[in-house]
PDB file of N, CA and C in Angstrom:
ATOM      1  N   MET A   1      56.300 169.046  72.228  1.00  0.00           N
ATOM      2  CA  MET A   1      55.217 168.112  71.994  1.00  0.00           C
ATOM      3  C   MET A   1      55.743 166.693  72.226  1.00  0.00           C
ATOM      4  N   LYS A   2      55.021 165.911  73.010  1.00  0.00           N
ATOM      5  CA  LYS A   2      55.420 164.537  73.293  1.00  0.00           C
ATOM      6  C   LYS A   2      54.863 163.608  72.224  1.00  0.00           C
ATOM      7  N   SER A   3      55.640 162.592  71.904  1.00  0.00           N
ATOM      8  CA  SER A   3      55.165 161.570  70.970  1.00  0.00           C
ATOM      9  C   SER A   3      55.948 160.293  71.208  1.00  0.00           C
ATOM     10  N   LEU A   4      55.443 159.185  70.683  1.00  0.00           N
ATOM     11  CA  LEU A   4      56.101 157.895  70.823  1.00  0.00           C
ATOM     12  C   LEU A   4      55.746 157.041  69.611  1.00  0.00           C
ATOM     13  N   THR A   5      56.735 156.383  69.046  1.00  0.00           N
ATOM     14  CA  THR A   5      56.501 155.438  67.958  1.00  0.00           C
ATOM     15  C   THR A   5      57.032 154.076  68.390  1.00  0.00           C
ATOM     16  N   GLU A   6      56.203 153.066  68.295  1.00  0.00           N
ATOM     17  CA  GLU A   6      56.595 151.696  68.637  1.00  0.00           C
ATOM     18  C   GLU A   6      56.101 150.772  67.526  1.00  0.00           C
ATOM     19  N   HIS A   7      56.868 149.760  67.251  1.00  0.00           N
ATOM     20  CA  HIS A   7      56.483 148.745  66.274  1.00  0.00           C
ATOM     21  C   HIS A   7      56.320 147.431  67.015  1.00  0.00           C
ATOM     22  N   LEU A   8      55.120 146.888  67.002  1.00  0.00           N
ATOM     23  CA  LEU A   8      54.839 145.616  67.654  1.00  0.00           C
ATOM     24  C   LEU A   8      54.674 144.548  66.585  1.00  0.00           C
ATOM     25  N   TRP A   9      55.265 143.389  66.815  1.00  0.00           N
ATOM     26  CA  TRP A   9      55.184 142.282  65.866  1.00  0.00           C
ATOM     27  C   TRP A   9      54.452 141.122  66.520  1.00  0.00           C
ATOM     28  N   PHE A  10      53.514 140.537  65.790  1.00  0.00           N
ATOM     29  CA  PHE A  10      52.756 139.403  66.293  1.00  0.00           C
ATOM     30  C   PHE A  10      52.752 138.299  65.253  1.00  0.00           C
ATOM     31  N   GLU A  11      52.837 137.083  65.703  1.00  0.00           N
ATOM     32  CA  GLU A  11      52.677 135.937  64.813  1.00  0.00           C
ATOM     33  C   GLU A  11      51.416 135.207  65.237  1.00  0.00           C
ATOM     34  N   THR A  12      50.589 134.854  64.279  1.00  0.00           N
ATOM     35  CA  THR A  12      49.340 134.164  64.576  1.00  0.00           C
ATOM     36  C   THR A  12      49.343 132.782  63.918  1.00  0.00           C
ATOM     37  N   PRO A  13      48.583 131.859  64.484  1.00  0.00           N
ATOM     38  CA  PRO A  13      48.560 130.508  63.927  1.00  0.00           C
ATOM     39  C   PRO A  13      47.835 130.418  62.581  1.00  0.00           C
ATOM     40  N   HIS A  14      47.014 131.410  62.280  1.00  0.00           N
ATOM     41  CA  HIS A  14      46.248 131.399  61.025  1.00  0.00           C
ATOM     42  C   HIS A  14      46.561 132.647  60.206  1.00  0.00           C
ATOM     43  N   ARG A  15      46.309 132.570  58.929  1.00  0.00           N
ATOM     44  CA  ARG A  15      46.541 133.724  58.055  1.00  0.00           C
ATOM     45  C   ARG A  15      45.696 134.912  58.497  1.00  0.00           C
ATOM     46  N   ARG A  16      44.447 134.656  58.836  1.00  0.00           N
ATOM     47  CA  ARG A  16      43.551 135.694  59.366  1.00  0.00           C
ATOM     48  C   ARG A  16      43.255 135.367  60.811  1.00  0.00           C
ATOM     49  N   ASP A  17      43.433 136.342  61.677  1.00  0.00           N
ATOM     50  CA  ASP A  17      43.196 136.120  63.089  1.00  0.00           C
ATOM     51  C   ASP A  17      42.878 137.444  63.758  1.00  0.00           C
ATOM     52  N   TYR A  18      42.351 137.389  64.957  1.00  0.00           N
ATOM     53  CA  TYR A  18      42.056 138.571  65.745  1.00  0.00           C
ATOM     54  C   TYR A  18      42.951 138.583  66.982  1.00  0.00           C
ATOM     55  N   LEU A  19      43.525 139.735  67.257  1.00  0.00           N
ATOM     56  CA  LEU A  19      44.336 139.914  68.457  1.00  0.00           C
ATOM     57  C   LEU A  19      43.832 141.145  69.198  1.00  0.00           C
ATOM     58  N   ASN A  20      43.672 141.021  70.490  1.00  0.00           N
ATOM     59  CA  ASN A  20      43.285 142.164  71.305  1.00  0.00           C
ATOM     60  C   ASN A  20      44.574 142.852  71.767  1.00  0.00           C
ATOM     61  N   VAL A  21      44.858 144.007  71.224  1.00  0.00           N
ATOM     62  CA  VAL A  21      46.085 144.749  71.542  1.00  0.00           C
ATOM     63  C   VAL A  21      45.827 145.909  72.502  1.00  0.00           C
ATOM     64  N   THR A  22      44.635 145.950  73.086  1.00  0.00           N
ATOM     65  CA  THR A  22      44.240 147.065  73.952  1.00  0.00           C
ATOM     66  C   THR A  22      45.224 147.291  75.094  1.00  0.00           C
ATOM     67  N   VAL A  23      45.586 146.233  75.799  1.00  0.00           N
ATOM     68  CA  VAL A  23      46.483 146.374  76.953  1.00  0.00           C
ATOM     69  C   VAL A  23      47.848 146.899  76.507  1.00  0.00           C
ATOM     70  N   ALA A  24      48.373 146.372  75.416  1.00  0.00           N
ATOM     71  CA  ALA A  24      49.678 146.825  74.912  1.00  0.00           C
ATOM     72  C   ALA A  24      49.620 148.303  74.523  1.00  0.00           C
ATOM     73  N   VAL A  25      48.531 148.730  73.888  1.00  0.00           N
ATOM     74  CA  VAL A  25      48.389 150.135  73.468  1.00  0.00           C
ATOM     75  C   VAL A  25      48.252 151.032  74.698  1.00  0.00           C
ATOM     76  N   GLU A  26      47.463 150.603  75.681  1.00  0.00           N
ATOM     77  CA  GLU A  26      47.320 151.392  76.917  1.00  0.00           C
ATOM     78  C   GLU A  26      48.674 151.597  77.596  1.00  0.00           C
ATOM     79  N   GLN A  27      49.476 150.549  77.674  1.00  0.00           N
ATOM     80  CA  GLN A  27      50.793 150.657  78.302  1.00  0.00           C
ATOM     81  C   GLN A  27      51.698 151.622  77.542  1.00  0.00           C
ATOM     82  N   LEU A  28      51.640 151.574  76.219  1.00  0.00           N
ATOM     83  CA  LEU A  28      52.472 152.473  75.415  1.00  0.00           C
ATOM     84  C   LEU A  28      52.026 153.927  75.541  1.00  0.00           C
ATOM     85  N   VAL A  29      50.721 154.159  75.635  1.00  0.00           N
ATOM     86  CA  VAL A  29      50.225 155.529  75.820  1.00  0.00           C
ATOM     87  C   VAL A  29      50.704 156.064  77.166  1.00  0.00           C
ATOM     88  N   ARG A  30      50.644 155.234  78.217  1.00  0.00           N
ATOM     89  CA  ARG A  30      51.156 155.653  79.523  1.00  0.00           C
ATOM     90  C   ARG A  30      52.652 155.948  79.448  1.00  0.00           C
ATOM     91  N   LYS A  31      53.399 155.070  78.771  1.00  0.00           N
ATOM     92  CA  LYS A  31      54.847 155.238  78.623  1.00  0.00           C
ATOM     93  C   LYS A  31      55.188 156.546  77.906  1.00  0.00           C
ATOM     94  N   SER A  32      54.357 156.949  76.957  1.00  0.00           N
ATOM     95  CA  SER A  32      54.629 158.150  76.158  1.00  0.00           C
ATOM     96  C   SER A  32      54.518 159.431  76.975  1.00  0.00           C
ATOM     97  N   GLY A  33      53.684 159.404  78.010  1.00  0.00           N
ATOM     98  CA  GLY A  33      53.479 160.606  78.805  1.00  0.00           C
ATOM     99  C   GLY A  33      52.484 161.575  78.197  1.00  0.00           C
ATOM    100  N   VAL A  34      51.894 161.214  77.073  1.00  0.00           N
ATOM    101  CA  VAL A  34      50.902 162.071  76.415  1.00  0.00           C
ATOM    102  C   VAL A  34      49.623 162.048  77.244  1.00  0.00           C
ATOM    103  N   GLN A  35      49.085 163.230  77.538  1.00  0.00           N
ATOM    104  CA  GLN A  35      47.870 163.351  78.348  1.00  0.00           C
ATOM    105  C   GLN A  35      46.623 163.552  77.501  1.00  0.00           C
ATOM    106  N   GLU A  36      46.796 164.098  76.315  1.00  0.00           N
ATOM    107  CA  GLU A  36      45.655 164.454  75.481  1.00  0.00           C
ATOM    108  C   GLU A  36      46.063 164.343  74.031  1.00  0.00           C
ATOM    109  N   GLY A  37      45.176 163.818  73.196  1.00  0.00           N
ATOM    110  CA  GLY A  37      45.487 163.743  71.773  1.00  0.00           C
ATOM    111  C   GLY A  37      44.941 162.485  71.137  1.00  0.00           C
ATOM    112  N   LEU A  38      45.568 162.066  70.062  1.00  0.00           N
ATOM    113  CA  LEU A  38      45.123 160.913  69.302  1.00  0.00           C
ATOM    114  C   LEU A  38      46.147 159.791  69.381  1.00  0.00           C
ATOM    115  N   CYS A  39      45.650 158.579  69.248  1.00  0.00           N
ATOM    116  CA  CYS A  39      46.521 157.411  69.201  1.00  0.00           C
ATOM    117  C   CYS A  39      46.213 156.665  67.907  1.00  0.00           C
ATOM    118  N   LEU A  40      47.204 156.538  67.054  1.00  0.00           N
ATOM    119  CA  LEU A  40      47.025 155.834  65.781  1.00  0.00           C
ATOM    120  C   LEU A  40      47.583 154.430  65.909  1.00  0.00           C
ATOM    121  N   VAL A  41      46.733 153.448  65.639  1.00  0.00           N
ATOM    122  CA  VAL A  41      47.157 152.045  65.599  1.00  0.00           C
ATOM    123  C   VAL A  41      46.922 151.577  64.175  1.00  0.00           C
ATOM    124  N   ASN A  42      47.994 151.235  63.485  1.00  0.00           N
ATOM    125  CA  ASN A  42      47.934 150.865  62.075  1.00  0.00           C
ATOM    126  C   ASN A  42      48.296 149.394  61.932  1.00  0.00           C
ATOM    127  N   ALA A  43      47.356 148.601  61.461  1.00  0.00           N
ATOM    128  CA  ALA A  43      47.582 147.156  61.316  1.00  0.00           C
ATOM    129  C   ALA A  43      48.194 146.866  59.954  1.00  0.00           C
ATOM    130  N   MET A  44      49.510 146.811  59.926  1.00  0.00           N
ATOM    131  CA  MET A  44      50.220 146.455  58.696  1.00  0.00           C
ATOM    132  C   MET A  44      50.280 144.934  58.621  1.00  0.00           C
ATOM    133  N   HIS A  45      50.463 144.422  57.436  1.00  0.00           N
ATOM    134  CA  HIS A  45      50.556 142.977  57.301  1.00  0.00           C
ATOM    135  C   HIS A  45      51.557 142.620  56.214  1.00  0.00           C
ATOM    136  N   GLY A  46      52.132 141.473  56.351  1.00  0.00           N
ATOM    137  CA  GLY A  46      53.087 140.991  55.356  1.00  0.00           C
ATOM    138  C   GLY A  46      52.625 139.661  54.787  1.00  0.00           C
ATOM    139  N   ASP A  47      53.265 139.232  53.755  1.00  0.00           N
ATOM    140  CA  ASP A  47      52.894 137.949  53.143  1.00  0.00           C
ATOM    141  C   ASP A  47      53.840 136.863  53.529  1.00  0.00           C
TER     142      ASP A  47
END
């Protein structure tokens, strides 16, 4: 079974902000080689 785990870090100018991570996620799914299944994107945050 193929899988891939990546941790992406982003810094934003405001405490609350929106980031479009679609392109980064698409590239990682291609890199993983997974053809079928689920992709979990978990937005963790720190203080």
